[in-house]
Amino acid sequence: MKGTAFEPIIRDAAIKALDGISKRVAEAEAKGGGALGKLMRRWNSLETQEKEQFIAMAITVGTAAAAAFSAIRERRADKRAIKIAKKAAKKIT
């Protein structure tokens, strides 16, 4: 199954979750003027299309980061396997 098959579901769920959270946090932080309140007020002012674009970018960045970490981990495992194989070859010869 492709990882992109879940993207529309994740995007819609993330938008709904952020909408619900942002309204509550914006109300709570409005008086304090904190950074989180400002961010949530900005989120509330975005159009639906802008929210979808933002979430799509976040998903893309997260997916790319996960792939990069996975590649780094695989590369380390490959290097370890090569190192072990070289040590075993030296013992044999």
PDB file of N, CA and C in Angstrom:
ATOM      1  N   MET A   1       0.849  -1.178   0.000  1.00  0.00           N
ATOM      2  CA  MET A   1       0.000   0.000   0.000  1.00  0.00           C
ATOM      3  C   MET A   1       0.893   1.239   0.000  1.00  0.00           C
ATOM      4  N   LYS A   2       0.529   2.179  -0.796  1.00  0.00           N
ATOM      5  CA  LYS A   2       1.307   3.407  -0.882  1.00  0.00           C
ATOM      6  C   LYS A   2       1.051   4.273   0.349  1.00  0.00           C
ATOM      7  N   GLY A   3       2.103   4.963   0.778  1.00  0.00           N
ATOM      8  CA  GLY A   3       1.961   5.848   1.918  1.00  0.00           C
ATOM      9  C   GLY A   3       1.095   7.057   1.622  1.00  0.00           C
ATOM     10  N   THR A   4       0.997   7.409   0.354  1.00  0.00           N
ATOM     11  CA  THR A   4       0.216   8.584  -0.014  1.00  0.00           C
ATOM     12  C   THR A   4      -1.284   8.318  -0.003  1.00  0.00           C
ATOM     13  N   ALA A   5      -1.679   7.060   0.123  1.00  0.00           N
ATOM     14  CA  ALA A   5      -3.107   6.724   0.129  1.00  0.00           C
ATOM     15  C   ALA A   5      -3.818   7.318   1.338  1.00  0.00           C
ATOM     16  N   PHE A   6      -3.107   7.479   2.422  1.00  0.00           N
ATOM     17  CA  PHE A   6      -3.703   8.019   3.640  1.00  0.00           C
ATOM     18  C   PHE A   6      -3.598   9.537   3.742  1.00  0.00           C
ATOM     19  N   GLU A   7      -2.914  10.162   2.809  1.00  0.00           N
ATOM     20  CA  GLU A   7      -2.690  11.606   2.901  1.00  0.00           C
ATOM     21  C   GLU A   7      -3.982  12.419   2.979  1.00  0.00           C
ATOM     22  N   PRO A   8      -5.006  12.162   2.136  1.00  0.00           N
ATOM     23  CA  PRO A   8      -6.236  12.954   2.257  1.00  0.00           C
ATOM     24  C   PRO A   8      -6.911  12.787   3.617  1.00  0.00           C
ATOM     25  N   ILE A   9      -6.884  11.577   4.147  1.00  0.00           N
ATOM     26  CA  ILE A   9      -7.501  11.326   5.450  1.00  0.00           C
ATOM     27  C   ILE A   9      -6.731  12.060   6.543  1.00  0.00           C
ATOM     28  N   ILE A  10      -5.413  11.969   6.489  1.00  0.00           N
ATOM     29  CA  ILE A  10      -4.581  12.638   7.491  1.00  0.00           C
ATOM     30  C   ILE A  10      -4.754  14.149   7.389  1.00  0.00           C
ATOM     31  N   ARG A  11      -4.793  14.660   6.151  1.00  0.00           N
ATOM     32  CA  ARG A  11      -4.926  16.110   5.950  1.00  0.00           C
ATOM     33  C   ARG A  11      -6.236  16.604   6.546  1.00  0.00           C
ATOM     34  N   ASP A  12      -7.339  15.927   6.253  1.00  0.00           N
ATOM     35  CA  ASP A  12      -8.633  16.360   6.778  1.00  0.00           C
ATOM     36  C   ASP A  12      -8.680  16.265   8.301  1.00  0.00           C
ATOM     37  N   ALA A  13      -8.144  15.185   8.841  1.00  0.00           N
ATOM     38  CA  ALA A  13      -8.143  15.019  10.300  1.00  0.00           C
ATOM     39  C   ALA A  13      -7.279  16.075  10.975  1.00  0.00           C
ATOM     40  N   ALA A  14      -6.134  16.387  10.372  1.00  0.00           N
ATOM     41  CA  ALA A  14      -5.243  17.396  10.959  1.00  0.00           C
ATOM     42  C   ALA A  14      -5.892  18.770  10.933  1.00  0.00           C
ATOM     43  N   ILE A  15      -6.565  19.096   9.842  1.00  0.00           N
ATOM     44  CA  ILE A  15      -7.244  20.395   9.753  1.00  0.00           C
ATOM     45  C   ILE A  15      -8.340  20.499  10.801  1.00  0.00           C
ATOM     46  N   LYS A  16      -9.159  19.455  10.926  1.00  0.00           N
ATOM     47  CA  LYS A  16     -10.234  19.476  11.914  1.00  0.00           C
ATOM     48  C   LYS A  16      -9.673  19.594  13.328  1.00  0.00           C
ATOM     49  N   ALA A  17      -8.607  18.850  13.608  1.00  0.00           N
ATOM     50  CA  ALA A  17      -8.011  18.889  14.948  1.00  0.00           C
ATOM     51  C   ALA A  17      -7.434  20.262  15.248  1.00  0.00           C
ATOM     52  N   LEU A  18      -6.695  20.811  14.296  1.00  0.00           N
ATOM     53  CA  LEU A  18      -6.109  22.140  14.527  1.00  0.00           C
ATOM     54  C   LEU A  18      -7.173  23.214  14.624  1.00  0.00           C
ATOM     55  N   ASP A  19      -8.255  23.090  13.864  1.00  0.00           N
ATOM     56  CA  ASP A  19      -9.342  24.058  13.975  1.00  0.00           C
ATOM     57  C   ASP A  19      -9.947  24.053  15.374  1.00  0.00           C
ATOM     58  N   GLY A  20     -10.220  22.861  15.878  1.00  0.00           N
ATOM     59  CA  GLY A  20     -10.806  22.756  17.210  1.00  0.00           C
ATOM     60  C   GLY A  20      -9.877  23.256  18.299  1.00  0.00           C
ATOM     61  N   ILE A  21      -8.621  22.868  18.207  1.00  0.00           N
ATOM     62  CA  ILE A  21      -7.639  23.289  19.209  1.00  0.00           C
ATOM     63  C   ILE A  21      -7.393  24.780  19.124  1.00  0.00           C
ATOM     64  N   SER A  22      -7.269  25.286  17.897  1.00  0.00           N
ATOM     65  CA  SER A  22      -6.908  26.697  17.724  1.00  0.00           C
ATOM     66  C   SER A  22      -7.969  27.624  18.293  1.00  0.00           C
ATOM     67  N   LYS A  23      -9.224  27.270  18.136  1.00  0.00           N
ATOM     68  CA  LYS A  23     -10.285  28.130  18.660  1.00  0.00           C
ATOM     69  C   LYS A  23     -10.219  28.204  20.175  1.00  0.00           C
ATOM     70  N   ARG A  24     -10.009  27.064  20.815  1.00  0.00           N
ATOM     71  CA  ARG A  24      -9.936  27.058  22.280  1.00  0.00           C
ATOM     72  C   ARG A  24      -8.689  27.786  22.790  1.00  0.00           C
ATOM     73  N   VAL A  25      -7.562  27.498  22.145  1.00  0.00           N
ATOM     74  CA  VAL A  25      -6.316  28.115  22.588  1.00  0.00           C
ATOM     75  C   VAL A  25      -6.315  29.610  22.304  1.00  0.00           C
ATOM     76  N   ALA A  26      -6.854  30.000  21.153  1.00  0.00           N
ATOM     77  CA  ALA A  26      -6.901  31.420  20.811  1.00  0.00           C
ATOM     78  C   ALA A  26      -7.728  32.191  21.821  1.00  0.00           C
ATOM     79  N   GLU A  27      -8.841  31.605  22.237  1.00  0.00           N
ATOM     80  CA  GLU A  27      -9.672  32.258  23.248  1.00  0.00           C
ATOM     81  C   GLU A  27      -8.928  32.376  24.574  1.00  0.00           C
ATOM     82  N   ALA A  28      -8.247  31.314  24.965  1.00  0.00           N
ATOM     83  CA  ALA A  28      -7.539  31.305  26.246  1.00  0.00           C
ATOM     84  C   ALA A  28      -6.328  32.227  26.232  1.00  0.00           C
ATOM     85  N   GLU A  29      -5.636  32.279  25.101  1.00  0.00           N
ATOM     86  CA  GLU A  29      -4.405  33.060  25.024  1.00  0.00           C
ATOM     87  C   GLU A  29      -4.621  34.490  24.535  1.00  0.00           C
ATOM     88  N   ALA A  30      -5.819  34.804  24.099  1.00  0.00           N
ATOM     89  CA  ALA A  30      -6.075  36.123  23.516  1.00  0.00           C
ATOM     90  C   ALA A  30      -5.734  37.243  24.496  1.00  0.00           C
ATOM     91  N   LYS A  31      -6.089  37.048  25.720  1.00  0.00           N
ATOM     92  CA  LYS A  31      -5.815  38.075  26.714  1.00  0.00           C
ATOM     93  C   LYS A  31      -4.331  38.158  27.041  1.00  0.00           C
ATOM     94  N   GLY A  32      -3.665  37.018  27.063  1.00  0.00           N
ATOM     95  CA  GLY A  32      -2.248  37.002  27.394  1.00  0.00           C
ATOM     96  C   GLY A  32      -1.362  37.445  26.243  1.00  0.00           C
ATOM     97  N   GLY A  33      -1.813  37.263  25.020  1.00  0.00           N
ATOM     98  CA  GLY A  33      -1.029  37.680  23.859  1.00  0.00           C
ATOM     99  C   GLY A  33       0.202  36.827  23.629  1.00  0.00           C
ATOM    100  N   GLY A  34       0.155  35.565  24.057  1.00  0.00           N
ATOM    101  CA  GLY A  34       1.299  34.677  23.893  1.00  0.00           C
ATOM    102  C   GLY A  34       1.504  34.277  22.445  1.00  0.00           C
ATOM    103  N   ALA A  35       2.660  33.700  22.194  1.00  0.00           N
ATOM    104  CA  ALA A  35       3.025  33.289  20.839  1.00  0.00           C
ATOM    105  C   ALA A  35       2.065  32.229  20.303  1.00  0.00           C
ATOM    106  N   LEU A  36       1.648  31.301  21.168  1.00  0.00           N
ATOM    107  CA  LEU A  36       0.727  30.263  20.727  1.00  0.00           C
ATOM    108  C   LEU A  36      -0.624  30.859  20.346  1.00  0.00           C
ATOM    109  N   GLY A  37      -1.077  31.826  21.110  1.00  0.00           N
ATOM    110  CA  GLY A  37      -2.336  32.497  20.792  1.00  0.00           C
ATOM    111  C   GLY A  37      -2.270  33.216  19.461  1.00  0.00           C
ATOM    112  N   LYS A  38      -1.152  33.874  19.205  1.00  0.00           N
ATOM    113  CA  LYS A  38      -0.974  34.571  17.920  1.00  0.00           C
ATOM    114  C   LYS A  38      -0.984  33.580  16.767  1.00  0.00           C
ATOM    115  N   LEU A  39      -0.307  32.467  16.962  1.00  0.00           N
ATOM    116  CA  LEU A  39      -0.264  31.448  15.924  1.00  0.00           C
ATOM    117  C   LEU A  39      -1.655  30.882  15.652  1.00  0.00           C
ATOM    118  N   MET A  40      -2.405  30.611  16.693  1.00  0.00           N
ATOM    119  CA  MET A  40      -3.738  30.052  16.521  1.00  0.00           C
ATOM    120  C   MET A  40      -4.704  31.071  15.912  1.00  0.00           C
ATOM    121  N   ARG A  41      -4.568  32.344  16.256  1.00  0.00           N
ATOM    122  CA  ARG A  41      -5.411  33.366  15.624  1.00  0.00           C
ATOM    123  C   ARG A  41      -5.098  33.460  14.140  1.00  0.00           C
ATOM    124  N   ARG A  42      -3.821  33.326  13.788  1.00  0.00           N
ATOM    125  CA  ARG A  42      -3.434  33.335  12.372  1.00  0.00           C
ATOM    126  C   ARG A  42      -4.032  32.116  11.671  1.00  0.00           C
ATOM    127  N   TRP A  43      -3.991  30.952  12.325  1.00  0.00           N
ATOM    128  CA  TRP A  43      -4.569  29.731  11.741  1.00  0.00           C
ATOM    129  C   TRP A  43      -6.064  29.928  11.490  1.00  0.00           C
ATOM    130  N   ASN A  44      -6.762  30.542  12.445  1.00  0.00           N
ATOM    131  CA  ASN A  44      -8.206  30.762  12.304  1.00  0.00           C
ATOM    132  C   ASN A  44      -8.523  31.706  11.149  1.00  0.00           C
ATOM    133  N   SER A  45      -7.606  32.598  10.825  1.00  0.00           N
ATOM    134  CA  SER A  45      -7.860  33.562   9.757  1.00  0.00           C
ATOM    135  C   SER A  45      -7.588  32.988   8.363  1.00  0.00           C
ATOM    136  N   LEU A  46      -6.990  31.801   8.279  1.00  0.00           N
ATOM    137  CA  LEU A  46      -6.680  31.201   6.981  1.00  0.00           C
ATOM    138  C   LEU A  46      -7.932  30.637   6.325  1.00  0.00           C
ATOM    139  N   GLU A  47      -7.939  30.649   5.009  1.00  0.00           N
ATOM    140  CA  GLU A  47      -8.998  30.006   4.240  1.00  0.00           C
ATOM    141  C   GLU A  47      -8.774  28.490   4.258  1.00  0.00           C
ATOM    142  N   THR A  48      -9.787  27.731   3.924  1.00  0.00           N
ATOM    143  CA  THR A  48      -9.686  26.275   3.926  1.00  0.00           C
ATOM    144  C   THR A  48      -8.603  25.796   2.976  1.00  0.00           C
ATOM    145  N   GLN A  49      -8.509  26.397   1.808  1.00  0.00           N
ATOM    146  CA  GLN A  49      -7.490  26.000   0.831  1.00  0.00           C
ATOM    147  C   GLN A  49      -6.082  26.246   1.380  1.00  0.00           C
ATOM    148  N   GLU A  50      -5.896  27.363   2.073  1.00  0.00           N
ATOM    149  CA  GLU A  50      -4.586  27.656   2.667  1.00  0.00           C
ATOM    150  C   GLU A  50      -4.256  26.648   3.764  1.00  0.00           C
ATOM    151  N   LYS A  51      -5.247  26.258   4.537  1.00  0.00           N
ATOM    152  CA  LYS A  51      -5.036  25.251   5.576  1.00  0.00           C
ATOM    153  C   LYS A  51      -4.633  23.918   4.954  1.00  0.00           C
ATOM    154  N   GLU A  52      -5.314  23.541   3.864  1.00  0.00           N
ATOM    155  CA  GLU A  52      -4.988  22.293   3.185  1.00  0.00           C
ATOM    156  C   GLU A  52      -3.563  22.321   2.638  1.00  0.00           C
ATOM    157  N   GLN A  53      -3.146  23.452   2.088  1.00  0.00           N
ATOM    158  CA  GLN A  53      -1.780  23.572   1.573  1.00  0.00           C
ATOM    159  C   GLN A  53      -0.762  23.469   2.696  1.00  0.00           C
ATOM    160  N   PHE A  54      -1.053  24.097   3.817  1.00  0.00           N
ATOM    161  CA  PHE A  54      -0.152  24.055   4.963  1.00  0.00           C
ATOM    162  C   PHE A  54       0.003  22.631   5.473  1.00  0.00           C
ATOM    163  N   ILE A  55      -1.117  21.933   5.627  1.00  0.00           N
ATOM    164  CA  ILE A  55      -1.079  20.562   6.123  1.00  0.00           C
ATOM    165  C   ILE A  55      -0.373  19.651   5.124  1.00  0.00           C
ATOM    166  N   ALA A  56      -0.617  19.861   3.828  1.00  0.00           N
ATOM    167  CA  ALA A  56       0.056  19.049   2.809  1.00  0.00           C
ATOM    168  C   ALA A  56       1.564  19.232   2.883  1.00  0.00           C
ATOM    169  N   MET A  57       2.009  20.473   3.099  1.00  0.00           N
ATOM    170  CA  MET A  57       3.450  20.727   3.255  1.00  0.00           C
ATOM    171  C   MET A  57       3.989  20.041   4.502  1.00  0.00           C
ATOM    172  N   ALA A  58       3.238  20.121   5.590  1.00  0.00           N
ATOM    173  CA  ALA A  58       3.682  19.491   6.839  1.00  0.00           C
ATOM    174  C   ALA A  58       3.802  17.982   6.666  1.00  0.00           C
ATOM    175  N   ILE A  59       2.844  17.379   5.980  1.00  0.00           N
ATOM    176  CA  ILE A  59       2.898  15.933   5.739  1.00  0.00           C
ATOM    177  C   ILE A  59       4.093  15.592   4.870  1.00  0.00           C
ATOM    178  N   THR A  60       4.328  16.393   3.832  1.00  0.00           N
ATOM    179  CA  THR A  60       5.448  16.150   2.928  1.00  0.00           C
ATOM    180  C   THR A  60       6.778  16.250   3.657  1.00  0.00           C
ATOM    181  N   VAL A  61       6.928  17.285   4.476  1.00  0.00           N
ATOM    182  CA  VAL A  61       8.171  17.461   5.229  1.00  0.00           C
ATOM    183  C   VAL A  61       8.362  16.324   6.218  1.00  0.00           C
ATOM    184  N   GLY A  62       7.296  15.948   6.902  1.00  0.00           N
ATOM    185  CA  GLY A  62       7.382  14.837   7.857  1.00  0.00           C
ATOM    186  C   GLY A  62       7.734  13.529   7.184  1.00  0.00           C
ATOM    187  N   THR A  63       7.140  13.270   6.033  1.00  0.00           N
ATOM    188  CA  THR A  63       7.436  12.049   5.294  1.00  0.00           C
ATOM    189  C   THR A  63       8.882  12.038   4.818  1.00  0.00           C
ATOM    190  N   ALA A  64       9.340  13.177   4.313  1.00  0.00           N
ATOM    191  CA  ALA A  64      10.726  13.263   3.847  1.00  0.00           C
ATOM    192  C   ALA A  64      11.707  13.074   5.002  1.00  0.00           C
ATOM    193  N   ALA A  65      11.398  13.651   6.150  1.00  0.00           N
ATOM    194  CA  ALA A  65      12.271  13.494   7.313  1.00  0.00           C
ATOM    195  C   ALA A  65      12.316  12.038   7.772  1.00  0.00           C
ATOM    196  N   ALA A  66      11.169  11.385   7.789  1.00  0.00           N
ATOM    197  CA  ALA A  66      11.131   9.977   8.185  1.00  0.00           C
ATOM    198  C   ALA A  66      11.923   9.114   7.212  1.00  0.00           C
ATOM    199  N   ALA A  67      11.805   9.402   5.927  1.00  0.00           N
ATOM    200  CA  ALA A  67      12.562   8.654   4.923  1.00  0.00           C
ATOM    201  C   ALA A  67      14.057   8.884   5.080  1.00  0.00           C
ATOM    202  N   ALA A  68      14.440  10.115   5.379  1.00  0.00           N
ATOM    203  CA  ALA A  68      15.860  10.428   5.568  1.00  0.00           C
ATOM    204  C   ALA A  68      16.419   9.689   6.781  1.00  0.00           C
ATOM    205  N   PHE A  69      15.685   9.698   7.885  1.00  0.00           N
ATOM    206  CA  PHE A  69      16.151   8.987   9.074  1.00  0.00           C
ATOM    207  C   PHE A  69      16.256   7.497   8.814  1.00  0.00           C
ATOM    208  N   SER A  70      15.302   6.962   8.072  1.00  0.00           N
ATOM    209  CA  SER A  70      15.321   5.545   7.732  1.00  0.00           C
ATOM    210  C   SER A  70      16.536   5.215   6.867  1.00  0.00           C
ATOM    211  N   ALA A  71      16.832   6.074   5.904  1.00  0.00           N
ATOM    212  CA  ALA A  71      17.989   5.850   5.029  1.00  0.00           C
ATOM    213  C   ALA A  71      19.295   5.913   5.819  1.00  0.00           C
ATOM    214  N   ILE A  72      19.373   6.853   6.748  1.00  0.00           N
ATOM    215  CA  ILE A  72      20.576   6.966   7.578  1.00  0.00           C
ATOM    216  C   ILE A  72      20.750   5.703   8.418  1.00  0.00           C
ATOM    217  N   ARG A  73      19.652   5.217   8.995  1.00  0.00           N
ATOM    218  CA  ARG A  73      19.705   4.009   9.818  1.00  0.00           C
ATOM    219  C   ARG A  73      20.137   2.805   8.982  1.00  0.00           C
ATOM    220  N   GLU A  74      19.591   2.684   7.773  1.00  0.00           N
ATOM    221  CA  GLU A  74      19.962   1.571   6.895  1.00  0.00           C
ATOM    222  C   GLU A  74      21.431   1.651   6.501  1.00  0.00           C
ATOM    223  N   ARG A  75      21.904   2.863   6.238  1.00  0.00           N
ATOM    224  CA  ARG A  75      23.303   3.047   5.855  1.00  0.00           C
ATOM    225  C   ARG A  75      24.235   2.631   6.985  1.00  0.00           C
ATOM    226  N   ARG A  76      23.850   3.005   8.207  1.00  0.00           N
ATOM    227  CA  ARG A  76      24.663   2.603   9.362  1.00  0.00           C
ATOM    228  C   ARG A  76      24.678   1.089   9.506  1.00  0.00           C
ATOM    229  N   ALA A  77      23.525   0.469   9.313  1.00  0.00           N
ATOM    230  CA  ALA A  77      23.441  -0.990   9.420  1.00  0.00           C
ATOM    231  C   ALA A  77      24.283  -1.646   8.334  1.00  0.00           C
ATOM    232  N   ASP A  78      24.269  -1.096   7.123  1.00  0.00           N
ATOM    233  CA  ASP A  78      25.084  -1.636   6.033  1.00  0.00           C
ATOM    234  C   ASP A  78      26.569  -1.519   6.357  1.00  0.00           C
ATOM    235  N   LYS A  79      26.970  -0.373   6.918  1.00  0.00           N
ATOM    236  CA  LYS A  79      28.381  -0.181   7.270  1.00  0.00           C
ATOM    237  C   LYS A  79      28.810  -1.184   8.341  1.00  0.00           C
ATOM    238  N   ARG A  80      27.932  -1.412   9.319  1.00  0.00           N
ATOM    239  CA  ARG A  80      28.246  -2.383  10.372  1.00  0.00           C
ATOM    240  C   ARG A  80      28.384  -3.782   9.787  1.00  0.00           C
ATOM    241  N   ALA A  81      27.500  -4.137   8.880  1.00  0.00           N
ATOM    242  CA  ALA A  81      27.542  -5.472   8.266  1.00  0.00           C
ATOM    243  C   ALA A  81      28.826  -5.644   7.467  1.00  0.00           C
ATOM    244  N   ILE A  82      29.238  -4.620   6.763  1.00  0.00           N
ATOM    245  CA  ILE A  82      30.479  -4.683   5.978  1.00  0.00           C
ATOM    246  C   ILE A  82      31.678  -4.826   6.912  1.00  0.00           C
ATOM    247  N   LYS A  83      31.656  -4.084   7.996  1.00  0.00           N
ATOM    248  CA  LYS A  83      32.749  -4.137   8.963  1.00  0.00           C
ATOM    249  C   LYS A  83      32.869  -5.533   9.574  1.00  0.00           C
ATOM    250  N   ILE A  84      31.731  -6.115   9.935  1.00  0.00           N
ATOM    251  CA  ILE A  84      31.726  -7.461  10.510  1.00  0.00           C
ATOM    252  C   ILE A  84      32.210  -8.480   9.486  1.00  0.00           C
ATOM    253  N   ALA A  85      31.775  -8.323   8.245  1.00  0.00           N
ATOM    254  CA  ALA A  85      32.187  -9.249   7.181  1.00  0.00           C
ATOM    255  C   ALA A  85      33.692  -9.158   6.946  1.00  0.00           C
ATOM    256  N   LYS A  86      34.241  -7.958   6.991  1.00  0.00           N
ATOM    257  CA  LYS A  86      35.694  -7.784   6.793  1.00  0.00           C
ATOM    258  C   LYS A  86      36.468  -8.448   7.931  1.00  0.00           C
ATOM    259  N   LYS A  87      35.982  -8.292   9.157  1.00  0.00           N
ATOM    260  CA  LYS A  87      36.649  -8.909  10.307  1.00  0.00           C
ATOM    261  C   LYS A  87      36.607 -10.429  10.173  1.00  0.00           C
ATOM    262  N   ALA A  88      35.453 -10.927   9.762  1.00  0.00           N
ATOM    263  CA  ALA A  88      35.334 -12.397   9.598  1.00  0.00           C
ATOM    264  C   ALA A  88      36.243 -12.894   8.487  1.00  0.00           C
ATOM    265  N   ALA A  89      36.356 -12.127   7.413  1.00  0.00           N
ATOM    266  CA  ALA A  89      37.232 -12.524   6.296  1.00  0.00           C
ATOM    267  C   ALA A  89      38.689 -12.521   6.721  1.00  0.00           C
ATOM    268  N   LYS A  90      39.085 -11.585   7.563  1.00  0.00           N
ATOM    269  CA  LYS A  90      40.476 -11.545   8.038  1.00  0.00           C
ATOM    270  C   LYS A  90      40.770 -12.749   8.924  1.00  0.00           C
ATOM    271  N   LYS A  91      39.800 -13.150   9.739  1.00  0.00           N
ATOM    272  CA  LYS A  91      40.019 -14.313  10.612  1.00  0.00           C
ATOM    273  C   LYS A  91      40.124 -15.586   9.808  1.00  0.00           C
ATOM    274  N   ILE A  92      39.379 -15.684   8.741  1.00  0.00           N
ATOM    275  CA  ILE A  92      39.404 -16.878   7.913  1.00  0.00           C
ATOM    276  C   ILE A  92      40.712 -17.008   7.149  1.00  0.00           C
ATOM    277  N   THR A  93      41.226 -15.878   6.644  1.00  0.00           N
ATOM    278  CA  THR A  93      42.456 -15.940   5.830  1.00  0.00           C
ATOM    279  C   THR A  93      43.704 -15.855   6.617  1.00  0.00           C
TER     280      THR A  93
END
